Amino acid sequence: VLSEADQATYYSSWHCLAIHVLSSLAGFDDIESISAALKIPEEAVSKVLLFLTQSGIVIKEKNKLKPGLTQVHLNRESPFIQQHHTNWRIGAIQSLASQNKDDLHYSTVSTLSRADAEKLRAEMVAFIENYVAIVKPSPEEVMYGFNLDFFNLIKK
């Protein structure tokens, strides 16, 4: 569990979380490799890594970076949850510009029955639970972003 001050910094930008997670992958254990992979200037990576190492989120072992914390969870009541979701929606938008054929983006607006909306939501929750169950024990080889949005557009 991160302190509130550390959470404020950690969730202020996608850079902190991305660098934290990327440090778990082989070959991404220094400023230069992280900067090249994420297309972030080395100076910015260095600043983020200073925070991550000072807070113990990332550790340096034999001059190589690795995660100090392997899981950080933000509950839905957190004051930082909106920024966290916004950061990764921005990441998804930036991914659209790269037009990578392996990326998957799907957006739609639908009308449907309340019962079907509830059924779809339940299936999405089950999918998220399955996603977490697969990702948790999976060896670190690649890094992907995952966003799922399903919301009522009619505001009452």
C-alpha atoms as a PDB file:
ATOM      1  CA  VAL A   1       0.000   0.000   0.000  1.00  0.00           C
ATOM      2  CA  LEU A   2       1.416   3.361  -1.022  1.00  0.00           C
ATOM      3  CA  SER A   3       1.108   6.453   1.137  1.00  0.00           C
ATOM      4  CA  GLU A   4      -1.327   9.069  -0.098  1.00  0.00           C
ATOM      5  CA  ALA A   5       1.571  11.356  -1.061  1.00  0.00           C
ATOM      6  CA  ASP A   6       3.218   8.553  -3.061  1.00  0.00           C
ATOM      7  CA  GLN A   7      -0.112   7.704  -4.701  1.00  0.00           C
ATOM      8  CA  ALA A   8      -0.503  11.338  -5.764  1.00  0.00           C
ATOM      9  CA  THR A   9       2.838  11.193  -7.557  1.00  0.00           C
ATOM     10  CA  TYR A  10       2.471   7.623  -8.852  1.00  0.00           C
ATOM     11  CA  TYR A  11      -0.887   8.310 -10.486  1.00  0.00           C
ATOM     12  CA  SER A  12      -0.078  11.837 -11.691  1.00  0.00           C
ATOM     13  CA  SER A  13       1.052  10.522 -15.089  1.00  0.00           C
ATOM     14  CA  TRP A  14       1.161   7.258 -17.000  1.00  0.00           C
ATOM     15  CA  HIS A  15       4.962   7.420 -16.897  1.00  0.00           C
ATOM     16  CA  CYS A  16       5.280   6.208 -13.291  1.00  0.00           C
ATOM     17  CA  LEU A  17       3.159   3.109 -13.690  1.00  0.00           C
ATOM     18  CA  ALA A  18       4.580   2.283 -17.132  1.00  0.00           C
ATOM     19  CA  ILE A  19       8.185   2.586 -15.936  1.00  0.00           C
ATOM     20  CA  HIS A  20       7.386   0.557 -12.809  1.00  0.00           C
ATOM     21  CA  VAL A  21       5.846  -2.276 -14.824  1.00  0.00           C
ATOM     22  CA  LEU A  22       8.447  -2.094 -17.598  1.00  0.00           C
ATOM     23  CA  SER A  23      11.221  -2.567 -15.014  1.00  0.00           C
ATOM     24  CA  SER A  24       9.951  -6.139 -14.580  1.00  0.00           C
ATOM     25  CA  LEU A  25      10.855  -7.046 -18.171  1.00  0.00           C
ATOM     26  CA  ALA A  26      14.301  -8.309 -19.125  1.00  0.00           C
ATOM     27  CA  GLY A  27      16.279  -5.714 -21.042  1.00  0.00           C
ATOM     28  CA  PHE A  28      14.468  -2.723 -19.518  1.00  0.00           C
ATOM     29  CA  ASP A  29      16.586  -2.173 -16.453  1.00  0.00           C
ATOM     30  CA  ASP A  30      18.212   1.181 -17.134  1.00  0.00           C
ATOM     31  CA  ILE A  31      17.254   4.725 -18.085  1.00  0.00           C
ATOM     32  CA  GLU A  32      18.348   4.414 -21.714  1.00  0.00           C
ATOM     33  CA  SER A  33      16.366   1.262 -22.524  1.00  0.00           C
ATOM     34  CA  ILE A  34      13.233   2.560 -20.768  1.00  0.00           C
ATOM     35  CA  SER A  35      13.489   5.917 -22.528  1.00  0.00           C
ATOM     36  CA  ALA A  36      13.831   4.243 -25.931  1.00  0.00           C
ATOM     37  CA  ALA A  37      10.954   1.806 -25.316  1.00  0.00           C
ATOM     38  CA  LEU A  38       8.451   4.368 -24.043  1.00  0.00           C
ATOM     39  CA  LYS A  39       9.616   7.309 -26.188  1.00  0.00           C
ATOM     40  CA  ILE A  40      10.093   9.430 -23.061  1.00  0.00           C
ATOM     41  CA  PRO A  41      13.156  11.698 -22.717  1.00  0.00           C
ATOM     42  CA  GLU A  42      15.905  10.233 -20.512  1.00  0.00           C
ATOM     43  CA  GLU A  43      15.658  13.252 -18.188  1.00  0.00           C
ATOM     44  CA  ALA A  44      11.961  12.495 -17.539  1.00  0.00           C
ATOM     45  CA  VAL A  45      12.678   8.775 -16.999  1.00  0.00           C
ATOM     46  CA  SER A  46      15.455   9.688 -14.562  1.00  0.00           C
ATOM     47  CA  LYS A  47      13.112  11.943 -12.571  1.00  0.00           C
ATOM     48  CA  VAL A  48      10.428   9.242 -12.385  1.00  0.00           C
ATOM     49  CA  LEU A  49      12.984   6.587 -11.413  1.00  0.00           C
ATOM     50  CA  LEU A  50      14.250   8.805  -8.598  1.00  0.00           C
ATOM     51  CA  PHE A  51      10.727   8.862  -7.143  1.00  0.00           C
ATOM     52  CA  LEU A  52      10.162   5.137  -7.777  1.00  0.00           C
ATOM     53  CA  THR A  53      13.418   4.107  -6.119  1.00  0.00           C
ATOM     54  CA  GLN A  54      13.078   6.508  -3.174  1.00  0.00           C
ATOM     55  CA  SER A  55       9.609   5.126  -2.467  1.00  0.00           C
ATOM     56  CA  GLY A  56      10.708   1.484  -2.896  1.00  0.00           C
ATOM     57  CA  ILE A  57       8.355   0.894  -5.818  1.00  0.00           C
ATOM     58  CA  VAL A  58      11.400   0.068  -7.972  1.00  0.00           C
ATOM     59  CA  ILE A  59      14.727  -1.125  -6.573  1.00  0.00           C
ATOM     60  CA  LYS A  60      18.238  -1.116  -7.965  1.00  0.00           C
ATOM     61  CA  GLU A  61      20.103  -4.394  -7.601  1.00  0.00           C
ATOM     62  CA  LYS A  62      23.616  -4.803  -9.078  1.00  0.00           C
ATOM     63  CA  ASN A  63      23.051  -1.616 -11.107  1.00  0.00           C
ATOM     64  CA  LYS A  64      19.900  -3.092 -12.655  1.00  0.00           C
ATOM     65  CA  LEU A  65      16.348  -1.917 -12.033  1.00  0.00           C
ATOM     66  CA  LYS A  66      13.586  -4.258 -10.938  1.00  0.00           C
ATOM     67  CA  PRO A  67      10.205  -3.855  -9.281  1.00  0.00           C
ATOM     68  CA  GLY A  68      10.217  -3.489  -5.518  1.00  0.00           C
ATOM     69  CA  LEU A  69       6.442  -3.786  -5.445  1.00  0.00           C
ATOM     70  CA  THR A  70       4.910  -6.316  -7.798  1.00  0.00           C
ATOM     71  CA  GLN A  71       1.294  -5.276  -7.306  1.00  0.00           C
ATOM     72  CA  VAL A  72      -0.218  -1.887  -6.611  1.00  0.00           C
ATOM     73  CA  HIS A  73      -4.014  -1.703  -6.468  1.00  0.00           C
ATOM     74  CA  LEU A  74      -6.108   1.445  -6.441  1.00  0.00           C
ATOM     75  CA  ASN A  75      -9.648   1.015  -5.166  1.00  0.00           C
ATOM     76  CA  ARG A  76     -12.549   2.711  -6.864  1.00  0.00           C
ATOM     77  CA  GLU A  77     -13.088   5.146  -3.968  1.00  0.00           C
ATOM     78  CA  SER A  78      -9.565   6.565  -4.250  1.00  0.00           C
ATOM     79  CA  PRO A  79      -9.264  10.272  -5.067  1.00  0.00           C
ATOM     80  CA  PHE A  80      -6.691   9.218  -7.694  1.00  0.00           C
ATOM     81  CA  ILE A  81      -8.870   6.749  -9.598  1.00  0.00           C
ATOM     82  CA  GLN A  82     -10.128   9.299 -12.138  1.00  0.00           C
ATOM     83  CA  GLN A  83      -6.586  10.383 -13.006  1.00  0.00           C
ATOM     84  CA  HIS A  84      -5.464   6.759 -13.270  1.00  0.00           C
ATOM     85  CA  HIS A  85      -8.227   5.910 -15.758  1.00  0.00           C
ATOM     86  CA  THR A  86      -7.634   9.150 -17.668  1.00  0.00           C
ATOM     87  CA  ASN A  87      -3.911   8.399 -17.985  1.00  0.00           C
ATOM     88  CA  TRP A  88      -4.581   5.056 -19.662  1.00  0.00           C
ATOM     89  CA  ARG A  89      -7.352   6.380 -21.917  1.00  0.00           C
ATOM     90  CA  ILE A  90      -4.803   8.928 -23.152  1.00  0.00           C
ATOM     91  CA  GLY A  91      -2.402   6.027 -23.689  1.00  0.00           C
ATOM     92  CA  ALA A  92      -5.035   4.217 -25.747  1.00  0.00           C
ATOM     93  CA  ILE A  93      -5.609   7.340 -27.845  1.00  0.00           C
ATOM     94  CA  GLN A  94      -1.866   7.632 -28.455  1.00  0.00           C
ATOM     95  CA  SER A  95      -1.808   3.954 -29.445  1.00  0.00           C
ATOM     96  CA  LEU A  96      -4.409   4.680 -32.130  1.00  0.00           C
ATOM     97  CA  ALA A  97      -1.964   7.046 -33.816  1.00  0.00           C
ATOM     98  CA  SER A  98       0.677   4.315 -34.156  1.00  0.00           C
ATOM     99  CA  GLN A  99      -1.730   2.143 -36.188  1.00  0.00           C
ATOM    100  CA  ASN A 100      -0.038  -1.046 -34.965  1.00  0.00           C
ATOM    101  CA  LYS A 101      -1.896  -3.948 -36.584  1.00  0.00           C
ATOM    102  CA  ASP A 102      -1.531  -6.036 -33.406  1.00  0.00           C
ATOM    103  CA  ASP A 103      -3.313  -3.447 -31.239  1.00  0.00           C
ATOM    104  CA  LEU A 104      -7.029  -3.911 -30.681  1.00  0.00           C
ATOM    105  CA  HIS A 105      -9.389  -0.966 -30.323  1.00  0.00           C
ATOM    106  CA  TYR A 106     -13.153  -1.198 -30.314  1.00  0.00           C
ATOM    107  CA  SER A 107     -15.627   1.588 -29.746  1.00  0.00           C
ATOM    108  CA  THR A 108     -19.377   1.636 -30.240  1.00  0.00           C
ATOM    109  CA  VAL A 109     -22.587   3.050 -28.881  1.00  0.00           C
ATOM    110  CA  SER A 110     -25.555   0.710 -28.588  1.00  0.00           C
ATOM    111  CA  THR A 111     -29.130   0.706 -27.462  1.00  0.00           C
ATOM    112  CA  LEU A 112     -30.236  -2.467 -25.691  1.00  0.00           C
ATOM    113  CA  SER A 113     -32.517  -3.775 -22.986  1.00  0.00           C
ATOM    114  CA  ARG A 114     -31.696  -3.207 -19.318  1.00  0.00           C
ATOM    115  CA  ALA A 115     -31.512  -6.978 -18.838  1.00  0.00           C
ATOM    116  CA  ASP A 116     -28.988  -7.344 -21.671  1.00  0.00           C
ATOM    117  CA  ALA A 117     -26.950  -4.407 -20.317  1.00  0.00           C
ATOM    118  CA  GLU A 118     -26.805  -6.118 -16.914  1.00  0.00           C
ATOM    119  CA  LYS A 119     -25.837  -9.416 -18.585  1.00  0.00           C
ATOM    120  CA  LEU A 120     -23.030  -7.762 -20.572  1.00  0.00           C
ATOM    121  CA  ARG A 121     -21.734  -5.969 -17.476  1.00  0.00           C
ATOM    122  CA  ALA A 122     -21.627  -9.254 -15.561  1.00  0.00           C
ATOM    123  CA  GLU A 123     -19.760 -10.905 -18.438  1.00  0.00           C
ATOM    124  CA  MET A 124     -17.255  -8.031 -18.482  1.00  0.00           C
ATOM    125  CA  VAL A 125     -16.684  -8.340 -14.731  1.00  0.00           C
ATOM    126  CA  ALA A 126     -16.111 -12.085 -15.204  1.00  0.00           C
ATOM    127  CA  PHE A 127     -13.705 -11.332 -18.049  1.00  0.00           C
ATOM    128  CA  ILE A 128     -11.746  -8.903 -15.857  1.00  0.00           C
ATOM    129  CA  GLU A 129     -11.530 -11.527 -13.102  1.00  0.00           C
ATOM    130  CA  ASN A 130     -10.279 -14.065 -15.658  1.00  0.00           C
ATOM    131  CA  TYR A 131      -7.811 -11.507 -17.057  1.00  0.00           C
ATOM    132  CA  VAL A 132      -6.348 -10.940 -13.582  1.00  0.00           C
ATOM    133  CA  ALA A 133      -6.158 -14.706 -12.945  1.00  0.00           C
ATOM    134  CA  ILE A 134      -4.174 -15.188 -16.176  1.00  0.00           C
ATOM    135  CA  VAL A 135      -1.901 -12.142 -15.809  1.00  0.00           C
ATOM    136  CA  LYS A 136      -0.983 -12.660 -12.142  1.00  0.00           C
ATOM    137  CA  PRO A 137       1.104 -15.858 -12.597  1.00  0.00           C
ATOM    138  CA  SER A 138       2.211 -15.063 -16.166  1.00  0.00           C
ATOM    139  CA  PRO A 139       5.970 -14.582 -16.707  1.00  0.00           C
ATOM    140  CA  GLU A 140       7.009 -11.025 -17.644  1.00  0.00           C
ATOM    141  CA  GLU A 141       7.781 -10.977 -21.380  1.00  0.00           C
ATOM    142  CA  VAL A 142       5.720  -8.137 -22.921  1.00  0.00           C
ATOM    143  CA  MET A 143       3.729  -5.163 -21.632  1.00  0.00           C
ATOM    144  CA  TYR A 144       0.199  -4.245 -22.744  1.00  0.00           C
ATOM    145  CA  GLY A 145      -2.338  -1.646 -21.691  1.00  0.00           C
ATOM    146  CA  PHE A 146      -5.901  -2.782 -21.078  1.00  0.00           C
ATOM    147  CA  ASN A 147      -8.936  -0.501 -20.808  1.00  0.00           C
ATOM    148  CA  LEU A 148     -12.560  -1.523 -20.760  1.00  0.00           C
ATOM    149  CA  ASP A 149     -15.381   0.999 -20.702  1.00  0.00           C
ATOM    150  CA  PHE A 150     -19.074   0.226 -20.577  1.00  0.00           C
ATOM    151  CA  PHE A 151     -21.260   3.059 -19.348  1.00  0.00           C
ATOM    152  CA  ASN A 152     -24.713   4.530 -19.607  1.00  0.00           C
ATOM    153  CA  LEU A 153     -24.745   7.622 -21.812  1.00  0.00           C
ATOM    154  CA  ILE A 154     -28.144   8.814 -20.600  1.00  0.00           C
ATOM    155  CA  LYS A 155     -27.629  11.113 -17.638  1.00  0.00           C
ATOM    156  CA  LYS A 156     -30.658  11.627 -15.420  1.00  0.00           C
END
